[in-house]
Protein backbone atom coordinates (compact mmCIF):
# COMPACT_ATOMS: atom_id res chain seq x y z
CA GLN A 1 -1.22 -12.67 15.75
CA VAL A 2 -1.41 -10.02 13.07
CA GLN A 3 -1.22 -11.28 9.56
CA VAL A 4 -0.81 -9.07 6.49
CA LEU A 5 -1.30 -10.62 3.09
CA GLU A 6 -0.89 -9.09 -0.29
CA SER A 7 -2.15 -10.51 -3.58
CA GLY A 8 -2.76 -9.38 -7.14
CA GLY A 9 0.72 -8.76 -8.43
CA GLY A 10 1.87 -9.91 -11.82
CA SER A 11 3.16 -8.85 -15.19
CA VAL A 12 1.59 -6.29 -17.38
CA GLU A 13 2.62 -4.15 -20.38
CA THR A 14 3.11 -0.49 -20.30
CA GLY A 15 -0.22 1.34 -20.11
CA GLY A 16 -1.94 -1.59 -18.40
CA SER A 17 -3.64 -1.77 -15.01
CA LEU A 18 -3.36 -3.99 -11.97
CA ARG A 19 -5.30 -4.19 -8.75
CA LEU A 20 -3.56 -5.27 -5.58
CA THR A 21 -5.30 -6.51 -2.42
CA CYS A 22 -4.13 -6.35 1.16
CA THR A 23 -5.95 -8.39 3.80
CA VAL A 24 -5.25 -7.86 7.46
CA SER A 25 -6.27 -10.24 10.25
CA GLY A 26 -5.62 -10.44 13.95
CA TYR A 27 -5.30 -6.66 14.50
CA THR A 28 -7.45 -6.32 17.63
CA THR A 29 -6.88 -2.72 18.73
CA ILE A 30 -8.57 0.34 17.39
CA ARG A 31 -8.85 0.97 13.66
CA PRO A 32 -5.34 1.06 12.30
CA CYS A 33 -3.48 2.90 9.68
CA MET A 34 -3.07 0.80 6.52
CA GLY A 35 -1.10 1.62 3.49
CA TRP A 36 0.84 0.61 0.36
CA PHE A 37 4.59 1.03 -0.19
CA ARG A 38 6.90 -0.23 -2.98
CA GLN A 39 10.52 -1.06 -3.24
CA VAL A 40 13.05 -1.82 -5.99
CA PRO A 41 16.37 -3.50 -5.23
CA GLY A 42 18.98 -1.14 -3.92
CA LYS A 43 16.46 1.67 -3.14
CA GLU A 44 14.51 2.82 -0.13
CA ARG A 45 10.94 1.55 0.32
CA GLU A 46 8.74 4.42 -0.83
CA GLY A 47 5.18 5.20 0.17
CA ILE A 48 2.25 5.30 -2.25
CA ALA A 49 -0.87 5.85 -0.17
CA VAL A 50 -2.19 5.22 3.29
CA ILE A 51 -5.58 5.42 5.01
CA ASP A 52 -6.57 6.01 8.65
CA THR A 53 -9.31 3.34 8.75
CA GLY A 54 -11.07 4.93 11.58
CA SER A 55 -11.72 8.34 9.97
CA LYS A 56 -11.32 7.07 6.36
CA LEU A 57 -8.88 9.91 5.70
CA GLU A 58 -6.66 9.02 2.79
CA PHE A 59 -3.21 10.29 2.04
CA TYR A 60 -1.25 9.97 -1.15
CA VAL A 61 2.32 10.72 -2.17
CA GLU A 62 1.74 13.62 -4.51
CA PHE A 63 3.07 12.23 -7.85
CA MET A 64 1.30 8.87 -7.22
CA LYS A 65 -2.24 9.94 -6.90
CA ASP A 66 -2.99 10.58 -10.55
CA ARG A 67 -2.67 6.86 -11.34
CA PHE A 68 -2.99 5.05 -8.05
CA THR A 69 -6.12 4.79 -5.93
CA ILE A 70 -6.69 2.98 -2.71
CA SER A 71 -10.05 1.63 -1.53
CA LEU A 72 -10.99 0.13 1.87
CA ASP A 73 -13.77 -2.47 2.27
CA ARG A 74 -16.65 -1.81 4.68
CA GLU A 75 -15.23 -4.01 7.39
CA GLY A 76 -11.88 -2.17 7.25
CA ASN A 77 -9.85 -5.27 6.81
CA THR A 78 -9.03 -5.22 3.15
CA LEU A 79 -7.29 -2.44 1.33
CA ASP A 80 -7.02 -2.47 -2.45
CA LEU A 81 -4.59 -0.54 -4.64
CA GLN A 82 -5.78 0.17 -8.11
CA MET A 83 -2.91 1.07 -10.45
CA ASN A 84 -3.52 2.53 -13.94
CA ASN A 85 -1.38 3.56 -16.91
CA LEU A 86 1.60 1.58 -15.46
CA THR A 87 5.10 2.25 -16.72
CA VAL A 88 8.28 0.32 -16.44
CA GLU A 89 9.29 2.59 -13.61
CA ASP A 90 6.39 1.05 -11.54
CA THR A 91 8.16 -2.30 -11.53
CA ALA A 92 8.77 -3.08 -7.92
CA MET A 93 7.82 -5.26 -4.97
CA TYR A 94 4.65 -3.79 -3.43
CA TYR A 95 4.09 -4.14 0.21
CA CYS A 96 1.17 -3.50 2.55
CA ALA A 97 1.87 -1.93 5.95
CA VAL A 98 -0.20 -1.72 9.12
CA ASP A 99 0.20 0.24 12.39
CA GLY A 100 -1.61 2.48 14.72
CA ARG A 101 -3.60 5.52 13.66
CA ARG A 102 -0.88 7.87 14.94
CA VAL A 103 1.30 6.93 11.90
CA CYS A 104 -1.20 7.88 9.27
CA LEU A 105 -2.17 11.12 11.08
CA ASN A 106 1.47 12.31 11.61
CA GLY A 107 2.77 13.86 8.53
CA SER A 108 6.32 13.61 9.75
CA ILE A 109 6.33 9.78 9.72
CA ARG A 110 3.52 8.78 7.48
CA TRP A 111 5.89 7.95 4.55
CA THR A 112 8.66 6.49 6.79
CA SER A 113 8.65 2.70 6.38
CA SER A 114 10.30 2.13 9.67
CA ALA A 115 7.29 3.68 11.43
CA TYR A 116 5.17 0.68 10.43
CA TYR A 117 5.45 -2.47 12.46
CA TYR A 118 3.44 -4.94 10.52
CA TRP A 119 4.25 -5.79 6.99
CA GLY A 120 3.25 -8.36 4.37
CA GLN A 121 5.63 -10.41 2.31
CA GLY A 122 5.05 -8.30 -0.69
CA THR A 123 3.68 -8.96 -4.23
CA GLN A 124 5.82 -8.42 -7.37
CA VAL A 125 4.61 -6.07 -10.09
CA THR A 126 6.52 -6.17 -13.40
CA VAL A 127 5.76 -3.80 -16.18
CA SER A 128 7.30 -4.49 -19.61
CA SER A 129 7.67 -2.08 -22.52
């Protein structure tokens, strides 16, 4: 059984930083695609960054990559999201997603949340002014 667990959310002031962690267990097939998305109530879930854990290729949504950085541990089971210089617009529920490599490597679906089968419960990030 695949389990996806996020941690590290919380409250921070504008300009602050947070580091989120996603831990995946039970995924027994070849190295998957892992990534981070976020969602605010009433809006679509939007992508931030994903990584093909087999090739270590990283992909970022363009306007995210200046302040957001992902890092994968050596075992390929934990994916961190470092977020810097946070603004109130970054307030959202942050989710980790996992699926097969094809999702990361296909630019047409990479940022489509419905393309990912496994999701965590999310971790809330709140940025105050």
